[in-house]
Amino acid sequence: MADLDKLVGRFFGHIELETCRDVSITRPRVRPNASFSADTRVEFSRTLREMFPIGTRFMATVKVCQKHVDGKPHGPPYLKAYDVAVIAASVSDPGLMARVRKGSISGLAYDYVWTTRD
């Protein structure tokens, strides 16, 4: 998609998203796979990010959103995911799972461990 600034407030259906690691932070992120730039931030359920291995793909409806401070745009536009469905074929076994780091005061620091589903 082109310039997100011009799309604020619009919804887009059947957008594929994927969990990923971000080199600058420890918590797992979600990025769009196609329709939008891969560096576009996505507001996505923390529970789902922790429940499935890194690389799991999802299908969702997204809305292009923009935060405002004092009535002026603040930060870049981002996507907010709704009606999320897991693409089952993308769930790997074993998988790299995000786990909240023990002793994390904020609960936002993560470690990544390889796990196998039983």
N, C-alpha and C. Protein backbone atom coordinates (compact mmCIF):
# COMPACT_ATOMS: atom_id res chain seq x y z
N MET A 1 0.84 -1.19 0.00
CA MET A 1 0.00 0.00 0.00
C MET A 1 0.87 1.24 0.00
N ALA A 2 0.30 2.25 -0.48
CA ALA A 2 1.03 3.52 -0.59
C ALA A 2 1.10 4.23 0.77
N ASP A 3 1.02 5.51 0.76
CA ASP A 3 1.16 6.38 1.91
C ASP A 3 0.08 6.10 2.97
N LEU A 4 0.49 5.60 4.14
CA LEU A 4 -0.47 5.29 5.20
C LEU A 4 -1.19 6.53 5.73
N ASP A 5 -0.54 7.69 5.67
CA ASP A 5 -1.18 8.92 6.16
C ASP A 5 -2.52 9.18 5.48
N LYS A 6 -2.63 8.79 4.23
CA LYS A 6 -3.85 9.02 3.46
C LYS A 6 -4.91 7.94 3.71
N LEU A 7 -4.52 6.88 4.43
CA LEU A 7 -5.44 5.76 4.66
C LEU A 7 -5.95 5.68 6.10
N VAL A 8 -5.60 6.64 6.94
CA VAL A 8 -6.02 6.62 8.34
C VAL A 8 -7.53 6.53 8.44
N GLY A 9 -7.99 5.59 9.25
CA GLY A 9 -9.42 5.39 9.46
C GLY A 9 -10.04 4.31 8.59
N ARG A 10 -9.30 3.83 7.59
CA ARG A 10 -9.84 2.81 6.68
C ARG A 10 -9.53 1.40 7.20
N PHE A 11 -10.45 0.49 6.89
CA PHE A 11 -10.29 -0.93 7.23
C PHE A 11 -9.90 -1.71 5.99
N PHE A 12 -9.10 -2.75 6.18
CA PHE A 12 -8.70 -3.64 5.10
C PHE A 12 -8.84 -5.08 5.60
N GLY A 13 -9.51 -5.91 4.82
CA GLY A 13 -9.74 -7.29 5.22
C GLY A 13 -8.75 -8.25 4.60
N HIS A 14 -8.68 -9.43 5.20
CA HIS A 14 -7.84 -10.53 4.71
C HIS A 14 -6.37 -10.12 4.57
N ILE A 15 -5.84 -9.49 5.62
CA ILE A 15 -4.44 -9.09 5.63
C ILE A 15 -3.66 -10.15 6.40
N GLU A 16 -2.58 -10.66 5.79
CA GLU A 16 -1.76 -11.66 6.46
C GLU A 16 -0.72 -10.98 7.33
N LEU A 17 -0.64 -11.42 8.59
CA LEU A 17 0.30 -10.89 9.57
C LEU A 17 1.17 -12.04 10.07
N GLU A 18 2.34 -11.72 10.62
CA GLU A 18 3.25 -12.75 11.09
C GLU A 18 3.98 -12.27 12.34
N THR A 19 4.12 -13.16 13.34
CA THR A 19 4.91 -12.82 14.51
C THR A 19 6.38 -12.85 14.14
N CYS A 20 7.15 -11.94 14.75
CA CYS A 20 8.58 -11.85 14.44
C CYS A 20 9.32 -11.27 15.64
N ARG A 21 10.64 -11.38 15.57
CA ARG A 21 11.49 -10.75 16.58
C ARG A 21 11.96 -9.41 16.04
N ASP A 22 12.09 -8.45 16.93
CA ASP A 22 12.59 -7.12 16.58
C ASP A 22 13.96 -6.98 17.22
N VAL A 23 14.96 -6.60 16.45
CA VAL A 23 16.32 -6.53 16.97
C VAL A 23 16.49 -5.49 18.07
N SER A 24 15.64 -4.48 18.11
CA SER A 24 15.83 -3.40 19.07
C SER A 24 15.10 -3.61 20.41
N ILE A 25 14.19 -4.58 20.48
CA ILE A 25 13.45 -4.86 21.73
C ILE A 25 13.28 -6.36 21.91
N THR A 26 12.95 -6.79 23.13
CA THR A 26 12.83 -8.23 23.36
C THR A 26 11.45 -8.79 23.10
N ARG A 27 10.40 -7.98 23.23
CA ARG A 27 9.06 -8.55 23.08
C ARG A 27 8.77 -8.89 21.61
N PRO A 28 7.97 -9.92 21.41
CA PRO A 28 7.65 -10.30 20.03
C PRO A 28 6.78 -9.24 19.35
N ARG A 29 6.99 -9.05 18.08
CA ARG A 29 6.23 -8.09 17.29
C ARG A 29 5.40 -8.82 16.24
N VAL A 30 4.52 -8.09 15.61
CA VAL A 30 3.73 -8.63 14.50
C VAL A 30 3.93 -7.66 13.34
N ARG A 31 4.15 -8.23 12.15
CA ARG A 31 4.35 -7.41 10.96
C ARG A 31 3.43 -7.90 9.85
N PRO A 32 3.06 -7.00 8.94
CA PRO A 32 2.29 -7.44 7.77
C PRO A 32 3.20 -8.18 6.81
N ASN A 33 2.67 -9.20 6.14
CA ASN A 33 3.47 -9.99 5.19
C ASN A 33 3.47 -9.43 3.79
N ALA A 34 2.42 -8.78 3.39
CA ALA A 34 2.35 -8.32 2.00
C ALA A 34 1.80 -6.90 1.95
N SER A 35 0.55 -6.72 1.76
CA SER A 35 -0.16 -5.47 1.48
C SER A 35 0.44 -4.18 2.05
N PHE A 36 1.11 -4.25 3.19
CA PHE A 36 1.71 -3.06 3.81
C PHE A 36 3.21 -3.31 3.98
N SER A 37 3.96 -2.26 4.20
CA SER A 37 5.40 -2.38 4.42
C SER A 37 5.67 -3.23 5.66
N ALA A 38 6.70 -4.07 5.61
CA ALA A 38 7.03 -4.96 6.73
C ALA A 38 7.45 -4.20 7.98
N ASP A 39 7.85 -2.93 7.85
CA ASP A 39 8.24 -2.17 9.04
C ASP A 39 7.07 -1.42 9.67
N THR A 40 5.87 -1.59 9.15
CA THR A 40 4.67 -0.97 9.72
C THR A 40 4.35 -1.65 11.05
N ARG A 41 4.16 -0.87 12.09
CA ARG A 41 3.82 -1.42 13.41
C ARG A 41 2.38 -1.92 13.40
N VAL A 42 2.14 -2.98 14.18
CA VAL A 42 0.81 -3.56 14.26
C VAL A 42 0.42 -3.71 15.73
N GLU A 43 -0.72 -3.15 16.11
CA GLU A 43 -1.28 -3.35 17.45
C GLU A 43 -1.98 -4.69 17.42
N PHE A 44 -1.53 -5.62 18.28
CA PHE A 44 -1.96 -7.01 18.19
C PHE A 44 -2.01 -7.62 19.58
N SER A 45 -2.88 -8.57 19.78
CA SER A 45 -3.07 -9.21 21.08
C SER A 45 -1.76 -9.77 21.66
N ARG A 46 -1.42 -9.35 22.85
CA ARG A 46 -0.22 -9.86 23.54
C ARG A 46 -0.36 -11.36 23.80
N THR A 47 -1.55 -11.79 24.17
CA THR A 47 -1.79 -13.20 24.44
C THR A 47 -1.49 -14.06 23.22
N LEU A 48 -1.95 -13.65 22.05
CA LEU A 48 -1.68 -14.42 20.84
C LEU A 48 -0.20 -14.40 20.48
N ARG A 49 0.48 -13.30 20.72
CA ARG A 49 1.91 -13.23 20.42
C ARG A 49 2.70 -14.20 21.30
N GLU A 50 2.23 -14.41 22.53
CA GLU A 50 2.92 -15.31 23.46
C GLU A 50 2.49 -16.77 23.30
N MET A 51 1.30 -17.00 22.76
CA MET A 51 0.74 -18.34 22.67
C MET A 51 1.32 -19.17 21.53
N PHE A 52 1.76 -18.51 20.46
CA PHE A 52 2.22 -19.21 19.26
C PHE A 52 3.69 -18.91 18.99
N PRO A 53 4.38 -19.85 18.31
CA PRO A 53 5.80 -19.64 18.00
C PRO A 53 6.04 -18.47 17.05
N ILE A 54 7.25 -17.92 17.12
CA ILE A 54 7.66 -16.86 16.20
C ILE A 54 7.56 -17.42 14.78
N GLY A 55 7.02 -16.64 13.89
CA GLY A 55 6.82 -17.08 12.50
C GLY A 55 5.41 -17.54 12.21
N THR A 56 4.56 -17.63 13.26
CA THR A 56 3.16 -18.00 13.05
C THR A 56 2.47 -16.89 12.27
N ARG A 57 1.67 -17.28 11.29
CA ARG A 57 0.94 -16.32 10.46
C ARG A 57 -0.53 -16.26 10.89
N PHE A 58 -1.11 -15.11 10.71
CA PHE A 58 -2.50 -14.84 11.06
C PHE A 58 -3.17 -14.13 9.91
N MET A 59 -4.47 -14.29 9.81
CA MET A 59 -5.28 -13.53 8.85
C MET A 59 -6.15 -12.61 9.70
N ALA A 60 -6.22 -11.34 9.32
CA ALA A 60 -6.96 -10.38 10.14
C ALA A 60 -7.52 -9.25 9.29
N THR A 61 -8.48 -8.56 9.88
CA THR A 61 -8.93 -7.28 9.36
C THR A 61 -8.11 -6.24 10.11
N VAL A 62 -7.58 -5.25 9.42
CA VAL A 62 -6.79 -4.22 10.08
C VAL A 62 -7.39 -2.84 9.79
N LYS A 63 -7.17 -1.96 10.74
CA LYS A 63 -7.57 -0.56 10.57
C LYS A 63 -6.30 0.28 10.64
N VAL A 64 -6.16 1.23 9.74
CA VAL A 64 -5.03 2.15 9.78
C VAL A 64 -5.37 3.22 10.82
N CYS A 65 -4.52 3.35 11.84
CA CYS A 65 -4.79 4.26 12.95
C CYS A 65 -3.66 5.29 13.08
N GLN A 66 -3.96 6.36 13.80
CA GLN A 66 -2.98 7.42 14.04
C GLN A 66 -3.21 7.97 15.44
N LYS A 67 -2.18 8.00 16.27
CA LYS A 67 -2.30 8.60 17.59
C LYS A 67 -2.23 10.12 17.44
N HIS A 68 -2.88 10.82 18.39
CA HIS A 68 -2.88 12.29 18.37
C HIS A 68 -2.56 12.82 19.76
N VAL A 69 -1.83 13.92 19.82
CA VAL A 69 -1.55 14.64 21.06
C VAL A 69 -1.90 16.09 20.79
N ASP A 70 -2.76 16.63 21.63
CA ASP A 70 -3.21 18.02 21.46
C ASP A 70 -3.78 18.27 20.07
N GLY A 71 -4.48 17.28 19.53
CA GLY A 71 -5.14 17.42 18.24
C GLY A 71 -4.23 17.30 17.03
N LYS A 72 -2.94 16.99 17.26
CA LYS A 72 -1.99 16.86 16.16
C LYS A 72 -1.49 15.42 16.08
N PRO A 73 -1.24 14.91 14.88
CA PRO A 73 -0.72 13.54 14.73
C PRO A 73 0.57 13.36 15.53
N HIS A 74 0.67 12.23 16.20
CA HIS A 74 1.83 11.92 17.02
C HIS A 74 2.36 10.54 16.62
N GLY A 75 3.54 10.49 16.05
CA GLY A 75 4.12 9.23 15.61
C GLY A 75 3.56 8.81 14.26
N PRO A 76 4.12 7.73 13.72
CA PRO A 76 3.67 7.27 12.41
C PRO A 76 2.34 6.51 12.50
N PRO A 77 1.60 6.43 11.41
CA PRO A 77 0.39 5.60 11.41
C PRO A 77 0.76 4.13 11.66
N TYR A 78 -0.18 3.38 12.19
CA TYR A 78 0.04 1.97 12.50
C TYR A 78 -1.23 1.20 12.18
N LEU A 79 -1.14 -0.13 12.23
CA LEU A 79 -2.30 -0.98 11.97
C LEU A 79 -2.80 -1.56 13.28
N LYS A 80 -4.12 -1.66 13.41
CA LYS A 80 -4.72 -2.32 14.56
C LYS A 80 -5.47 -3.54 14.04
N ALA A 81 -5.16 -4.73 14.59
CA ALA A 81 -5.72 -5.98 14.08
C ALA A 81 -7.04 -6.33 14.79
N TYR A 82 -8.02 -6.74 13.99
CA TYR A 82 -9.33 -7.20 14.46
C TYR A 82 -9.63 -8.55 13.82
N ASP A 83 -10.56 -9.30 14.41
CA ASP A 83 -11.04 -10.55 13.82
C ASP A 83 -9.86 -11.43 13.38
N VAL A 84 -8.98 -11.71 14.31
CA VAL A 84 -7.75 -12.45 14.01
C VAL A 84 -8.01 -13.95 13.97
N ALA A 85 -7.46 -14.62 12.95
CA ALA A 85 -7.54 -16.08 12.82
C ALA A 85 -6.14 -16.61 12.56
N VAL A 86 -5.80 -17.71 13.22
CA VAL A 86 -4.49 -18.35 13.04
C VAL A 86 -4.50 -19.14 11.73
N ILE A 87 -3.42 -19.05 10.98
CA ILE A 87 -3.23 -19.90 9.81
C ILE A 87 -2.53 -21.15 10.33
N ALA A 88 -3.30 -22.22 10.53
CA ALA A 88 -2.81 -23.42 11.22
C ALA A 88 -1.55 -24.01 10.60
N ALA A 89 -1.44 -23.99 9.29
CA ALA A 89 -0.28 -24.58 8.62
C ALA A 89 1.02 -23.86 8.96
N SER A 90 0.93 -22.65 9.51
CA SER A 90 2.13 -21.89 9.82
C SER A 90 2.67 -22.17 11.22
N VAL A 91 1.94 -22.90 12.04
CA VAL A 91 2.37 -23.17 13.41
C VAL A 91 3.38 -24.31 13.39
N SER A 92 4.63 -23.99 13.70
CA SER A 92 5.70 -24.98 13.63
C SER A 92 5.82 -25.76 14.93
N ASP A 93 6.34 -26.96 14.81
CA ASP A 93 6.60 -27.80 15.97
C ASP A 93 7.93 -28.49 15.73
N PRO A 94 9.00 -28.21 16.39
CA PRO A 94 9.11 -27.29 17.52
C PRO A 94 9.09 -25.83 17.06
N GLY A 95 8.96 -24.94 18.03
CA GLY A 95 8.91 -23.54 17.67
C GLY A 95 9.62 -22.66 18.67
N LEU A 96 10.01 -21.48 18.23
CA LEU A 96 10.65 -20.49 19.09
C LEU A 96 9.55 -19.69 19.76
N MET A 97 9.44 -19.83 21.07
CA MET A 97 8.36 -19.20 21.83
C MET A 97 8.89 -18.03 22.67
N ALA A 98 8.08 -16.99 22.76
CA ALA A 98 8.41 -15.85 23.62
C ALA A 98 7.84 -16.11 25.00
N ARG A 99 8.66 -15.93 26.01
CA ARG A 99 8.24 -16.09 27.41
C ARG A 99 8.67 -14.85 28.18
N VAL A 100 7.78 -14.32 29.04
CA VAL A 100 8.13 -13.16 29.85
C VAL A 100 9.31 -13.54 30.73
N ARG A 101 10.33 -12.70 30.71
CA ARG A 101 11.55 -12.95 31.48
C ARG A 101 11.26 -12.94 32.97
N LYS A 102 11.75 -13.95 33.71
CA LYS A 102 11.57 -14.01 35.16
C LYS A 102 12.21 -12.79 35.79
N GLY A 103 11.49 -12.18 36.71
CA GLY A 103 11.99 -11.00 37.39
C GLY A 103 11.73 -9.70 36.65
N SER A 104 11.07 -9.77 35.49
CA SER A 104 10.77 -8.55 34.73
C SER A 104 9.74 -7.74 35.50
N ILE A 105 10.11 -6.56 35.90
CA ILE A 105 9.21 -5.71 36.68
C ILE A 105 8.03 -5.24 35.84
N SER A 106 8.28 -4.85 34.60
CA SER A 106 7.22 -4.34 33.74
C SER A 106 6.44 -5.46 33.07
N GLY A 107 7.04 -6.67 33.01
CA GLY A 107 6.39 -7.77 32.29
C GLY A 107 6.55 -7.65 30.79
N LEU A 108 7.43 -6.76 30.35
CA LEU A 108 7.62 -6.54 28.92
C LEU A 108 8.97 -7.02 28.41
N ALA A 109 9.77 -7.63 29.28
CA ALA A 109 11.05 -8.19 28.84
C ALA A 109 10.84 -9.68 28.58
N TYR A 110 11.35 -10.17 27.45
CA TYR A 110 11.11 -11.54 27.04
C TYR A 110 12.40 -12.29 26.79
N ASP A 111 12.33 -13.61 26.98
CA ASP A 111 13.35 -14.54 26.55
C ASP A 111 12.70 -15.43 25.51
N TYR A 112 13.51 -16.02 24.64
CA TYR A 112 12.99 -16.91 23.60
C TYR A 112 13.54 -18.31 23.83
N VAL A 113 12.63 -19.30 23.85
CA VAL A 113 13.03 -20.68 24.09
C VAL A 113 12.40 -21.59 23.03
N TRP A 114 13.15 -22.64 22.64
CA TRP A 114 12.64 -23.63 21.70
C TRP A 114 11.76 -24.59 22.49
N THR A 115 10.56 -24.85 21.99
CA THR A 115 9.65 -25.77 22.66
C THR A 115 9.05 -26.73 21.63
N THR A 116 8.54 -27.84 22.16
CA THR A 116 7.84 -28.81 21.35
C THR A 116 6.46 -28.99 21.94
N ARG A 117 5.46 -28.95 21.10
CA ARG A 117 4.08 -29.15 21.57
C ARG A 117 3.82 -30.65 21.72
N ASP A 118 3.18 -31.01 22.81
CA ASP A 118 2.86 -32.42 23.06
C ASP A 118 1.51 -32.79 22.51
